[in-house]
Every structure is written in structure tokens, then in C-alpha cells.
Amino acid sequence: MSTVLRRSLGVFFCILAVGSSIAAEYLAGGTPIKPGDGWPTDQKFRWLIGDLEIPELIGKEPASGKVVGLQINCGDGGEVFIDEQLQTRFDNDHPALVIVAEKAVPGTPARVAVQVYGKVQGGDKFDQANWVIIDPRRANG
């Protein structure tokens, strides 16, 4: 696997998706949620939103100058946006891995927004959200 070290993230917000605009959904507020918490099972799409900062350390390794990513898995899958740009799609069996910075600067903000699909196959948990250092050979092709 290309990830070297992991660091868990803080609290995200779960927001019922009534439209496709990330900003409008975020402004409506939400329920705090963190990795390991249960996910609503009512077959409705929701936004999972976190305003994050690149940490100084991931595990015991300095993040500065490294390729830093986010590994995330929630519900039955969805679409991951970094700073309102679609990065990838994922399903409940394959977590998303997205690059947040190719040359990380600790303290740099990043908004992560995940449109999580409604329950289809048992995705009833916010399984994972970790910072990772990615092997630059994998990140660059």
C-alpha cells in the first residue's frame, strides 16, 4: 500500500442533502459526526463536511513538503470534493484516497465535502477519515 503513516481526523458535520450545492448545504448547519459514529440509514443522500488543516505530523513523520492525502470511507460510498473540486468516487468496499497537497504546508486549510449515497448495502457507519502520506511515485503516475 502506498500510504506510509496515518493520523485520525477530528469532527465532521453530517447534513441532509436537499440540493447539489456544497456551500448552501454547509450553511444550513449539521450534526457533528466523527469516524466510528453510526451513519443514518434512511436511504437519503447527505453531505459529510469537514474544514480541516494539514497537520504538522502524520504519525511520527513531518508532513511538510510531502504528498499528503485523505483516506475516507462512509456509508455506501459517494463522491469526494476537496475545496469544491470533485476528486474521486468510492464505494463501501473501496475507501477513497485523495491528494490534498502535493507539497504539504502544515496549517494549510482544506474543505473536504463528501456527498454520501443513501443506504443500499448496509453502509451504516462513518468508517474512516485519516490523513496519510502518499508515496510520491504513486501520486505522480
C-alpha atoms as a PDB file:
ATOM      1  CA  MET A   1       0.000   0.000   0.000  1.00  0.00           C
ATOM      2  CA  SER A   2       1.226   3.489  -0.786  1.00  0.00           C
ATOM      3  CA  THR A   3       0.305   5.106   2.490  1.00  0.00           C
ATOM      4  CA  VAL A   4       3.127   5.403   4.964  1.00  0.00           C
ATOM      5  CA  LEU A   5       1.634   6.876   8.098  1.00  0.00           C
ATOM      6  CA  ARG A   6      -1.867   7.719   9.266  1.00  0.00           C
ATOM      7  CA  ARG A   7      -3.373  10.309  11.565  1.00  0.00           C
ATOM      8  CA  SER A   8      -7.029  10.390  12.540  1.00  0.00           C
ATOM      9  CA  LEU A   9      -9.113  13.494  11.865  1.00  0.00           C
ATOM     10  CA  GLY A  10     -11.482  15.458  14.047  1.00  0.00           C
ATOM     11  CA  VAL A  11     -15.198  16.142  13.792  1.00  0.00           C
ATOM     12  CA  PHE A  12     -17.094  16.430  10.527  1.00  0.00           C
ATOM     13  CA  PHE A  13     -20.708  17.536  10.042  1.00  0.00           C
ATOM     14  CA  CYS A  14     -23.474  15.411   8.543  1.00  0.00           C
ATOM     15  CA  ILE A  15     -26.036  17.414   6.566  1.00  0.00           C
ATOM     16  CA  LEU A  16     -29.135  16.150   4.743  1.00  0.00           C
ATOM     17  CA  ALA A  17     -28.646  16.798   1.010  1.00  0.00           C
ATOM     18  CA  VAL A  18     -31.573  18.811  -0.305  1.00  0.00           C
ATOM     19  CA  GLY A  19     -29.662  20.206  -3.275  1.00  0.00           C
ATOM     20  CA  SER A  20     -26.406  19.829  -5.109  1.00  0.00           C
ATOM     21  CA  SER A  21     -24.634  22.950  -3.824  1.00  0.00           C
ATOM     22  CA  ILE A  22     -21.947  22.224  -1.257  1.00  0.00           C
ATOM     23  CA  ALA A  23     -21.911  25.792   0.107  1.00  0.00           C
ATOM     24  CA  ALA A  24     -25.683  26.017   0.546  1.00  0.00           C
ATOM     25  CA  GLU A  25     -25.781  22.696   2.381  1.00  0.00           C
ATOM     26  CA  TYR A  26     -22.908  23.704   4.654  1.00  0.00           C
ATOM     27  CA  LEU A  27     -24.519  26.987   5.623  1.00  0.00           C
ATOM     28  CA  ALA A  28     -27.657  25.117   6.714  1.00  0.00           C
ATOM     29  CA  GLY A  29     -25.751  23.579   9.645  1.00  0.00           C
ATOM     30  CA  GLY A  30     -25.455  19.936  10.533  1.00  0.00           C
ATOM     31  CA  THR A  31     -24.931  17.263  13.136  1.00  0.00           C
ATOM     32  CA  PRO A  32     -21.372  16.687  14.413  1.00  0.00           C
ATOM     33  CA  ILE A  33     -20.046  13.249  13.450  1.00  0.00           C
ATOM     34  CA  LYS A  34     -16.641  11.581  13.720  1.00  0.00           C
ATOM     35  CA  PRO A  35     -15.085   8.375  12.390  1.00  0.00           C
ATOM     36  CA  GLY A  36     -16.626   5.372  14.112  1.00  0.00           C
ATOM     37  CA  ASP A  37     -20.038   7.007  14.556  1.00  0.00           C
ATOM     38  CA  GLY A  38     -23.177   5.499  13.056  1.00  0.00           C
ATOM     39  CA  TRP A  39     -24.443   6.824   9.725  1.00  0.00           C
ATOM     40  CA  PRO A  40     -28.159   7.493   9.047  1.00  0.00           C
ATOM     41  CA  THR A  41     -29.828   4.553   7.283  1.00  0.00           C
ATOM     42  CA  ASP A  42     -32.855   6.240   5.723  1.00  0.00           C
ATOM     43  CA  GLN A  43     -31.707   5.978   2.064  1.00  0.00           C
ATOM     44  CA  LYS A  44     -31.204   9.746   1.707  1.00  0.00           C
ATOM     45  CA  PHE A  45     -28.093  11.396   0.345  1.00  0.00           C
ATOM     46  CA  ARG A  46     -26.143  13.538   2.805  1.00  0.00           C
ATOM     47  CA  TRP A  47     -23.107  15.796   2.819  1.00  0.00           C
ATOM     48  CA  LEU A  48     -20.226  14.939   5.132  1.00  0.00           C
ATOM     49  CA  ILE A  49     -18.251  18.170   5.514  1.00  0.00           C
ATOM     50  CA  GLY A  50     -15.039  18.986   7.354  1.00  0.00           C
ATOM     51  CA  ASP A  51     -12.974  22.169   7.407  1.00  0.00           C
ATOM     52  CA  LEU A  52      -9.530  20.710   8.043  1.00  0.00           C
ATOM     53  CA  GLU A  53      -5.922  21.858   8.279  1.00  0.00           C
ATOM     54  CA  ILE A  54      -2.918  19.884   7.127  1.00  0.00           C
ATOM     55  CA  PRO A  55      -1.209  18.668  10.321  1.00  0.00           C
ATOM     56  CA  GLU A  56       2.467  19.115  11.166  1.00  0.00           C
ATOM     57  CA  LEU A  57       2.892  15.397  11.793  1.00  0.00           C
ATOM     58  CA  ILE A  58       1.215  12.336  10.322  1.00  0.00           C
ATOM     59  CA  GLY A  59       2.101   9.511  12.623  1.00  0.00           C
ATOM     60  CA  LYS A  60       5.634  10.466  13.637  1.00  0.00           C
ATOM     61  CA  GLU A  61       6.646  11.824  10.249  1.00  0.00           C
ATOM     62  CA  PRO A  62       6.679  15.543   9.374  1.00  0.00           C
ATOM     63  CA  ALA A  63       4.103  16.341   6.687  1.00  0.00           C
ATOM     64  CA  SER A  64       5.912  19.422   5.368  1.00  0.00           C
ATOM     65  CA  GLY A  65       6.843  19.051   1.694  1.00  0.00           C
ATOM     66  CA  LYS A  66       5.263  15.594   1.406  1.00  0.00           C
ATOM     67  CA  VAL A  67       2.383  14.373  -0.729  1.00  0.00           C
ATOM     68  CA  VAL A  68      -0.456  14.397   1.804  1.00  0.00           C
ATOM     69  CA  GLY A  69      -3.796  12.770   1.246  1.00  0.00           C
ATOM     70  CA  LEU A  70      -7.010  11.824   2.914  1.00  0.00           C
ATOM     71  CA  GLN A  71      -8.353   8.291   3.087  1.00  0.00           C
ATOM     72  CA  ILE A  72     -12.089   8.284   3.749  1.00  0.00           C
ATOM     73  CA  ASN A  73     -14.968   5.807   3.823  1.00  0.00           C
ATOM     74  CA  CYS A  74     -18.573   6.414   4.847  1.00  0.00           C
ATOM     75  CA  GLY A  75     -21.990   4.885   4.266  1.00  0.00           C
ATOM     76  CA  ASP A  76     -22.383   3.052   0.962  1.00  0.00           C
ATOM     77  CA  GLY A  77     -19.938   5.296  -0.897  1.00  0.00           C
ATOM     78  CA  GLY A  78     -20.059   8.667  -2.528  1.00  0.00           C
ATOM     79  CA  GLU A  79     -18.104  11.467  -4.156  1.00  0.00           C
ATOM     80  CA  VAL A  80     -15.211  13.331  -2.504  1.00  0.00           C
ATOM     81  CA  PHE A  81     -14.604  17.030  -3.131  1.00  0.00           C
ATOM     82  CA  ILE A  82     -11.542  18.967  -1.953  1.00  0.00           C
ATOM     83  CA  ASP A  83     -12.070  22.734  -1.958  1.00  0.00           C
ATOM     84  CA  GLU A  84     -15.247  22.203  -4.048  1.00  0.00           C
ATOM     85  CA  GLN A  85     -13.450  20.219  -6.792  1.00  0.00           C
ATOM     86  CA  LEU A  86     -14.518  16.609  -7.405  1.00  0.00           C
ATOM     87  CA  GLN A  87     -11.545  14.318  -6.725  1.00  0.00           C
ATOM     88  CA  THR A  88     -12.913  10.779  -6.766  1.00  0.00           C
ATOM     89  CA  ARG A  89     -15.835   8.447  -6.206  1.00  0.00           C
ATOM     90  CA  PHE A  90     -15.801   5.477  -3.859  1.00  0.00           C
ATOM     91  CA  ASP A  91     -17.985   2.588  -2.719  1.00  0.00           C
ATOM     92  CA  ASN A  92     -18.455   0.831   0.594  1.00  0.00           C
ATOM     93  CA  ASP A  93     -15.794  -1.794  -0.226  1.00  0.00           C
ATOM     94  CA  HIS A  94     -13.127   0.610  -1.521  1.00  0.00           C
ATOM     95  CA  PRO A  95     -12.269   3.715   0.551  1.00  0.00           C
ATOM     96  CA  ALA A  96     -11.429   6.929  -1.262  1.00  0.00           C
ATOM     97  CA  LEU A  97      -7.836   8.146  -1.334  1.00  0.00           C
ATOM     98  CA  VAL A  98      -7.460  11.755  -2.445  1.00  0.00           C
ATOM     99  CA  ILE A  99      -4.445  14.023  -2.651  1.00  0.00           C
ATOM    100  CA  VAL A 100      -4.926  17.145  -0.556  1.00  0.00           C
ATOM    101  CA  ALA A 101      -1.455  18.646  -1.196  1.00  0.00           C
ATOM    102  CA  GLU A 102       1.445  17.602  -3.423  1.00  0.00           C
ATOM    103  CA  LYS A 103       3.899  19.598  -1.268  1.00  0.00           C
ATOM    104  CA  ALA A 104       2.182  19.967   2.064  1.00  0.00           C
ATOM    105  CA  VAL A 105       2.415  23.095   4.167  1.00  0.00           C
ATOM    106  CA  PRO A 106       1.199  22.394   7.716  1.00  0.00           C
ATOM    107  CA  GLY A 107      -1.706  24.609   8.730  1.00  0.00           C
ATOM    108  CA  THR A 108      -3.000  24.997   5.177  1.00  0.00           C
ATOM    109  CA  PRO A 109      -6.808  24.764   5.236  1.00  0.00           C
ATOM    110  CA  ALA A 110      -8.767  22.319   3.105  1.00  0.00           C
ATOM    111  CA  ARG A 111     -12.521  21.874   2.926  1.00  0.00           C
ATOM    112  CA  VAL A 112     -13.490  18.243   2.453  1.00  0.00           C
ATOM    113  CA  ALA A 113     -17.048  17.604   1.307  1.00  0.00           C
ATOM    114  CA  VAL A 114     -18.325  14.113   0.616  1.00  0.00           C
ATOM    115  CA  GLN A 115     -21.733  13.527  -0.905  1.00  0.00           C
ATOM    116  CA  VAL A 116     -22.568  10.177   0.686  1.00  0.00           C
ATOM    117  CA  TYR A 117     -25.034   7.882  -1.063  1.00  0.00           C
ATOM    118  CA  GLY A 118     -28.164   6.693   0.707  1.00  0.00           C
ATOM    119  CA  LYS A 119     -28.047   3.230   2.283  1.00  0.00           C
ATOM    120  CA  VAL A 120     -28.078   0.429  -0.265  1.00  0.00           C
ATOM    121  CA  GLN A 121     -25.970  -2.465   1.046  1.00  0.00           C
ATOM    122  CA  GLY A 122     -25.574  -1.887   4.763  1.00  0.00           C
ATOM    123  CA  GLY A 123     -23.353   1.198   4.892  1.00  0.00           C
ATOM    124  CA  ASP A 124     -24.392   2.301   8.359  1.00  0.00           C
ATOM    125  CA  LYS A 125     -21.176   3.844   9.675  1.00  0.00           C
ATOM    126  CA  PHE A 126     -18.702   6.691   9.156  1.00  0.00           C
ATOM    127  CA  ASP A 127     -15.897   4.159   8.916  1.00  0.00           C
ATOM    128  CA  GLN A 128     -12.743   6.107   8.283  1.00  0.00           C
ATOM    129  CA  ALA A 129     -11.113   9.505   7.801  1.00  0.00           C
ATOM    130  CA  ASN A 130      -7.328   9.568   8.082  1.00  0.00           C
ATOM    131  CA  TRP A 131      -4.524  11.807   6.950  1.00  0.00           C
ATOM    132  CA  VAL A 132      -1.953   9.795   5.006  1.00  0.00           C
ATOM    133  CA  ILE A 133       1.440  10.408   3.473  1.00  0.00           C
ATOM    134  CA  ILE A 134       1.393   9.054  -0.062  1.00  0.00           C
ATOM    135  CA  ASP A 135       4.380   7.636  -1.894  1.00  0.00           C
ATOM    136  CA  PRO A 136       5.237  10.345  -4.461  1.00  0.00           C
ATOM    137  CA  ARG A 137       5.790   7.680  -7.132  1.00  0.00           C
ATOM    138  CA  ARG A 138       2.145   6.702  -6.816  1.00  0.00           C
ATOM    139  CA  ALA A 139       0.923  10.291  -6.702  1.00  0.00           C
ATOM    140  CA  ASN A 140       2.832  11.312  -9.819  1.00  0.00           C
ATOM    141  CA  GLY A 141       1.945   8.388 -12.008  1.00  0.00           C
END
